[in-house]
Protein backbone atom coordinates (compact mmCIF):
# COMPACT_ATOMS: atom_id res chain seq x y z
CA MET A 1 -9.75 18.48 -1.36
CA ALA A 2 -9.99 16.30 1.69
CA LYS A 3 -13.12 16.38 3.82
CA SER A 4 -13.26 16.95 7.56
CA ARG A 5 -11.59 14.46 9.88
CA THR A 6 -12.28 13.17 13.36
CA ASP A 7 -9.99 13.35 16.38
CA ASP A 8 -9.27 9.60 16.27
CA ASN A 9 -5.89 10.08 14.62
CA THR A 10 -2.92 8.91 16.63
CA ASP A 11 -0.41 11.17 14.91
CA ILE A 12 2.97 9.44 14.81
CA THR A 13 4.64 11.98 12.53
CA ARG A 14 4.34 15.31 14.33
CA VAL A 15 6.01 16.46 17.55
CA GLU A 16 5.11 19.80 19.12
CA GLY A 17 7.14 21.94 21.50
CA ALA A 18 10.63 20.72 20.57
CA GLY A 19 12.03 23.92 19.08
CA PHE A 20 15.18 23.59 21.21
CA LEU A 21 16.32 20.87 18.77
CA ASP A 22 16.40 23.21 15.75
CA GLN A 23 20.07 24.04 16.25
CA TYR A 24 21.02 20.38 15.88
CA VAL A 25 18.95 19.44 12.81
CA GLU A 26 21.19 20.69 10.00
CA GLU A 27 24.22 18.58 10.95
CA ASP A 28 22.43 15.62 12.52
CA HIS A 29 23.42 12.18 11.21
CA SER A 30 21.85 10.04 13.92
CA LEU A 31 19.41 8.36 11.49
CA ASP A 32 21.89 7.64 8.71
CA GLY A 33 22.36 3.99 9.63
CA MET A 34 18.64 3.35 9.17
CA ASP A 35 18.95 4.08 5.45
CA GLU A 36 20.67 0.74 4.96
CA TYR A 37 17.26 -0.92 4.99
CA VAL A 38 13.99 0.95 4.62
CA LEU A 39 10.83 -0.71 5.93
CA LEU A 40 7.86 1.41 4.90
CA PRO A 41 4.50 1.61 6.72
CA LYS A 42 1.46 0.43 4.78
CA LEU A 43 -2.00 1.83 4.12
CA LYS A 44 -4.34 -0.75 5.64
CA ILE A 45 -8.12 -0.96 5.33
CA ILE A 46 -10.13 -2.38 8.22
CA HIS A 47 -12.03 -5.44 6.93
CA GLY A 48 -14.69 -7.63 8.46
CA SER A 49 -11.95 -10.18 9.19
CA SER A 50 -9.67 -7.61 10.86
CA ASP A 51 -8.84 -7.51 14.54
CA HIS A 52 -11.91 -6.71 16.64
CA ALA A 53 -10.13 -3.94 18.54
CA LEU A 54 -9.24 -2.17 15.27
CA LYS A 55 -12.84 -2.43 14.03
CA LYS A 56 -14.13 -1.02 17.30
CA GLN A 57 -11.64 1.87 17.32
CA PHE A 58 -11.78 2.94 13.67
CA GLY A 59 -14.79 1.25 12.06
CA GLU A 60 -14.90 -1.25 9.21
CA GLY A 61 -13.88 0.28 5.89
CA SER A 62 -11.62 2.90 7.49
CA ALA A 63 -8.01 3.23 6.33
CA ILE A 64 -5.13 3.48 8.77
CA ILE A 65 -1.34 3.40 8.62
CA ARG A 66 0.32 0.36 10.15
CA PRO A 67 2.31 0.22 12.27
CA GLY A 68 1.30 3.20 14.38
CA ASP A 69 -2.44 2.93 13.73
CA ALA A 70 -2.81 6.51 12.52
CA LEU A 71 -6.23 7.15 11.00
CA VAL A 72 -6.21 8.25 7.34
CA VAL A 73 -9.92 8.20 6.40
CA LYS A 74 -13.24 6.85 7.64
CA GLN A 75 -15.40 5.23 4.96
CA GLU A 76 -18.62 5.82 6.86
CA GLU A 77 -17.99 9.59 6.74
CA GLY A 78 -17.19 9.63 3.03
CA GLN A 79 -13.68 10.96 3.58
CA ASP A 80 -10.90 11.01 1.01
CA PHE A 81 -7.23 12.01 0.90
CA LEU A 82 -4.63 13.00 -1.68
CA PHE A 83 -1.71 10.76 -2.57
CA VAL A 84 1.37 11.06 -4.78
CA PRO A 85 2.83 7.71 -5.90
CA GLN A 86 6.59 8.27 -6.01
CA TYR A 87 7.70 4.81 -7.17
CA PHE A 88 6.27 1.48 -8.33
CA TYR A 89 7.51 -2.08 -8.06
CA VAL A 90 6.18 -5.62 -7.87
CA GLU A 91 6.90 -8.03 -5.02
CA TRP A 92 5.98 -11.71 -4.89
CA CYS A 93 5.42 -13.32 -1.49
CA LYS A 94 4.57 -16.70 0.01
CA TRP A 95 2.08 -16.29 2.86
CA SER A 96 1.31 -18.82 5.55
CA GLU A 97 -2.22 -19.78 6.61
CA ARG A 98 -3.98 -17.12 8.70
CA ASP A 99 -4.53 -19.57 11.59
CA ASP A 100 -0.90 -20.75 11.62
CA ASN A 101 0.51 -18.93 14.65
CA ASP A 102 3.80 -20.83 14.60
CA THR A 103 4.96 -19.65 11.18
CA PRO A 104 5.89 -16.14 9.99
CA ASN A 105 3.18 -14.47 7.90
CA ILE A 106 5.53 -14.01 4.95
CA MET A 107 7.75 -17.04 4.45
CA GLU A 108 9.36 -16.01 1.16
CA SER A 109 9.57 -12.82 -0.88
CA SER A 110 11.18 -11.92 -4.18
CA PHE A 111 11.54 -9.02 -6.60
CA ASP A 112 12.61 -11.42 -9.38
CA PRO A 113 9.78 -12.21 -11.86
CA ARG A 114 11.62 -15.43 -12.77
CA SER A 115 11.75 -16.74 -9.20
CA PRO A 116 9.73 -19.82 -8.11
CA THR A 117 7.71 -17.58 -5.78
CA ALA A 118 6.76 -15.24 -8.65
CA ARG A 119 6.03 -18.13 -11.00
CA LYS A 120 3.59 -19.69 -8.55
CA ALA A 121 1.89 -16.35 -7.80
CA LYS A 122 1.28 -15.82 -11.51
CA ASP A 123 -0.25 -19.26 -12.09
CA LYS A 124 -3.79 -19.71 -10.76
CA ASP A 125 -3.20 -23.48 -10.51
CA LEU A 126 -0.11 -23.03 -8.33
CA ARG A 127 -1.23 -20.05 -6.27
CA PHE A 128 -2.40 -22.21 -3.35
CA GLU A 129 -0.17 -24.94 -1.92
CA LEU A 130 -1.41 -27.46 0.65
CA TYR A 131 0.52 -27.75 3.90
CA GLU A 132 2.48 -30.98 4.15
CA GLY A 133 0.57 -33.52 6.22
CA HIS A 134 -2.83 -31.92 5.58
CA GLU A 135 -3.75 -34.18 2.67
CA ASP A 136 -5.95 -36.42 4.80
CA ARG A 137 -7.68 -33.65 6.72
CA PRO A 138 -11.28 -32.64 5.93
CA ALA A 139 -11.37 -29.84 3.35
CA LYS A 140 -12.44 -27.22 5.91
CA GLU A 141 -9.48 -28.07 8.14
CA GLN A 142 -6.81 -28.01 5.45
CA TRP A 143 -4.26 -25.20 5.47
CA ASN A 144 -2.74 -23.65 2.37
CA TYR A 145 0.27 -21.49 1.64
CA ARG A 146 -0.65 -18.64 -0.66
CA TYR A 147 1.59 -17.11 -3.33
CA VAL A 148 0.67 -13.47 -3.91
CA GLU A 149 1.67 -10.76 -6.38
CA HIS A 150 1.79 -7.36 -4.66
CA LEU A 151 1.59 -4.17 -6.71
CA ARG A 152 3.43 -1.63 -4.54
CA PHE A 153 3.26 2.18 -4.73
CA PRO A 154 5.53 3.89 -2.17
CA GLY A 155 4.40 7.49 -1.98
CA VAL A 156 3.34 10.36 0.22
CA ILE A 157 0.10 11.79 1.57
CA TYR A 158 -0.03 15.14 -0.26
CA ASP A 159 -2.83 16.98 1.45
CA SER A 160 -2.28 20.20 3.38
CA GLU A 161 -5.67 19.77 5.07
CA HIS A 162 -4.77 16.31 6.38
CA PRO A 163 -2.96 15.89 9.74
CA LEU A 164 -0.72 13.26 8.11
CA ASP A 165 0.34 15.51 5.23
CA GLY A 166 3.87 14.56 4.12
CA THR A 167 3.75 11.05 5.59
CA THR A 168 5.45 8.36 3.51
CA VAL A 169 3.34 5.21 3.08
CA VAL A 170 2.87 2.29 0.69
CA LEU A 171 -0.33 1.82 -1.28
CA SER A 172 -0.40 -1.90 -2.07
CA PHE A 173 -2.81 -3.88 -4.24
CA GLU A 174 -2.96 -7.65 -3.85
CA LYS A 175 -5.29 -10.64 -3.63
CA GLY A 176 -8.85 -9.49 -4.32
CA GLU A 177 -7.62 -5.94 -5.05
CA HIS A 178 -5.01 -6.92 -7.62
CA TYR A 179 -7.34 -5.95 -10.48
CA GLN A 180 -7.74 -2.46 -8.98
CA GLY A 181 -3.98 -2.10 -8.89
CA GLN A 182 -3.88 -2.90 -12.60
CA ASN A 183 -6.53 -0.23 -13.15
CA PHE A 184 -4.42 2.27 -11.20
CA ILE A 185 -1.36 1.47 -13.32
CA SER A 186 -3.38 2.05 -16.50
CA ALA A 187 -4.75 5.37 -15.20
CA ILE A 188 -1.27 6.57 -14.25
CA LYS A 189 0.15 5.70 -17.68
CA MET A 190 -2.69 7.62 -19.36
CA ARG A 191 -1.89 10.87 -17.48
CA LYS A 192 -0.32 13.14 -20.09
CA ARG A 193 0.08 16.83 -20.93
CA ARG A 194 0.44 18.71 -24.21
CA THR A 195 3.68 20.64 -24.78
CA GLU A 196 3.95 24.04 -26.44
CA GLU A 197 4.92 22.17 -29.61
CA GLY A 198 1.65 20.25 -29.46
CA LEU A 199 3.16 16.92 -28.40
CA LEU A 200 1.56 14.69 -25.77
CA VAL A 201 4.09 13.66 -23.12
CA GLN A 202 3.82 11.47 -20.04
CA ILE A 203 3.44 13.10 -16.62
CA PRO A 204 6.09 11.57 -14.32
CA LEU A 205 4.73 9.14 -11.75
CA TRP A 206 6.18 11.18 -8.89
CA ALA A 207 4.40 14.37 -10.08
CA GLN A 208 0.86 12.95 -10.24
CA VAL A 209 -1.71 13.69 -7.51
CA TRP A 210 -4.57 11.23 -6.95
CA GLN A 211 -7.62 11.37 -4.71
CA LEU A 212 -8.24 8.13 -2.81
CA ASN A 213 -11.11 6.83 -0.73
CA THR A 214 -12.18 3.42 0.55
CA ALA A 215 -15.15 1.56 -0.93
CA HIS A 216 -17.12 -1.61 -0.30
CA ARG A 217 -16.73 -4.46 -2.80
CA GLU A 218 -18.99 -7.42 -3.57
CA ARG A 219 -18.39 -10.42 -5.78
CA GLY A 220 -21.14 -12.98 -5.40
CA ALA A 221 -21.21 -14.02 -1.76
CA LYS A 222 -17.81 -12.41 -1.15
CA ASN A 223 -17.42 -8.87 0.21
CA TRP A 224 -14.50 -6.73 1.33
CA HIS A 225 -13.16 -3.15 1.12
CA GLY A 226 -10.64 -1.56 -1.23
CA PHE A 227 -9.26 1.75 -2.45
CA ASP A 228 -10.97 3.72 -5.22
CA PHE A 229 -9.11 6.48 -7.04
CA GLN A 230 -9.76 9.48 -9.25
CA PRO A 231 -7.69 12.45 -10.46
CA ALA A 232 -7.37 15.16 -7.83
CA ALA A 233 -8.63 18.66 -8.57
CA GLN A 234 -4.95 19.66 -8.57
CA SER A 235 -3.68 16.84 -10.76
CA VAL A 236 0.05 17.57 -10.45
CA ILE A 237 2.31 18.60 -7.58
CA ASP A 238 3.34 22.20 -6.89
CA VAL A 239 6.47 23.29 -8.75
CA ILE A 240 8.24 23.96 -5.45
CA ASP A 241 7.93 20.25 -4.58
CA VAL A 242 9.47 18.93 -7.81
CA PRO A 243 13.10 18.56 -6.57
CA ALA A 244 12.09 16.71 -3.40
CA MET A 245 9.61 14.41 -5.15
CA LYS A 246 12.05 13.50 -7.91
CA ALA A 247 14.81 12.88 -5.36
CA GLU A 248 12.54 10.57 -3.36
CA HIS A 249 11.70 8.63 -6.52
CA GLU A 250 15.41 8.14 -7.17
CA ARG A 251 15.97 7.06 -3.57
CA PHE A 252 13.24 4.42 -3.75
CA LYS A 253 14.63 3.21 -7.07
CA GLU A 254 18.11 2.75 -5.60
CA LEU A 255 16.78 0.98 -2.52
CA HIS A 256 14.65 -1.37 -4.60
CA GLU A 257 17.48 -2.23 -6.96
CA ALA A 258 19.67 -3.00 -3.95
CA ASN A 259 16.95 -5.22 -2.38
CA ARG A 260 16.77 -2.88 0.61
CA LEU A 261 13.17 -1.68 0.26
CA GLY A 262 10.50 -3.45 2.30
CA VAL A 263 6.88 -3.05 3.42
CA GLN A 264 5.54 -3.72 6.88
CA ASP A 265 3.00 -6.40 5.95
CA GLU A 266 1.46 -7.53 9.23
CA ASP A 267 -1.95 -8.85 8.30
CA GLN A 268 -3.41 -11.27 5.82
CA ASP A 269 -6.90 -9.81 5.48
CA GLU A 270 -6.29 -7.35 2.62
CA GLY A 271 -9.06 -8.48 0.30
CA ASP A 272 -9.04 -12.00 1.74
CA ASN A 273 -12.79 -12.26 1.35
CA ALA A 274 -12.42 -12.05 -2.42
CA ASP A 275 -11.98 -15.32 -4.28
CA THR A 276 -8.34 -14.94 -5.29
CA LYS A 277 -8.45 -18.18 -7.28
CA GLU A 278 -10.42 -16.18 -9.84
CA GLN A 279 -7.67 -13.54 -10.04
CA PRO A 280 -6.85 -13.08 -13.74
CA GLU A 281 -3.54 -14.15 -15.24
CA PHE A 282 -0.80 -11.50 -15.35
């Protein structure tokens, strides 16, 4: 189970002392309009290239939820947390240069594997695209667009000992961490159980519990931080949670198929220190 936490958590999901609202909850529809488009918060690791204020507040290698900056774990204290991936999808995005303050971070995005954005993200020779007009600049001053394949796992922190228990977040693997996302997919697909008839059957994605922690990575002169995973001591959810978990899986599926599911990607430093040009073909 999860280890002890600090008091650095800015808890955005819990409100105390509002019992007078209980009588209105059952028939409340004030949030219904927000279901038209769901923008999910993201699990973010603090890297060496992250904002200085974040590094000072949480420490490099810590994981937080953005937006909201709620602390999930601190790497320096060896903390971990439990996570249930409720859905999986792939998104391809075109990112602008980190230093380009006049252009949105994400310029294009697509769920279509046949789209030009996806095609370029999958091809190591097309993954970086020089800004127009930068051809004559010195190499160190040239800016590049970057086409990225994101492996997305919307899910929930499933940890009764964690102050953020029940919080919906997205675990996303991209850039230097793309290979770890592939490893996670393989591990999930290998999770099976034996029936009374002796058959091996797949454990549903939304019923699997995984233990996550952050870890330091090195590849030559490159270094960054990423998520490591292992089966939790309780490898599947409690039976009482099955209806809600399955329903959430179906909700994410419907939103994704309707192009109404998004992730709050704010930063470009997720594994940026890894050499993404060496990312394997997929």
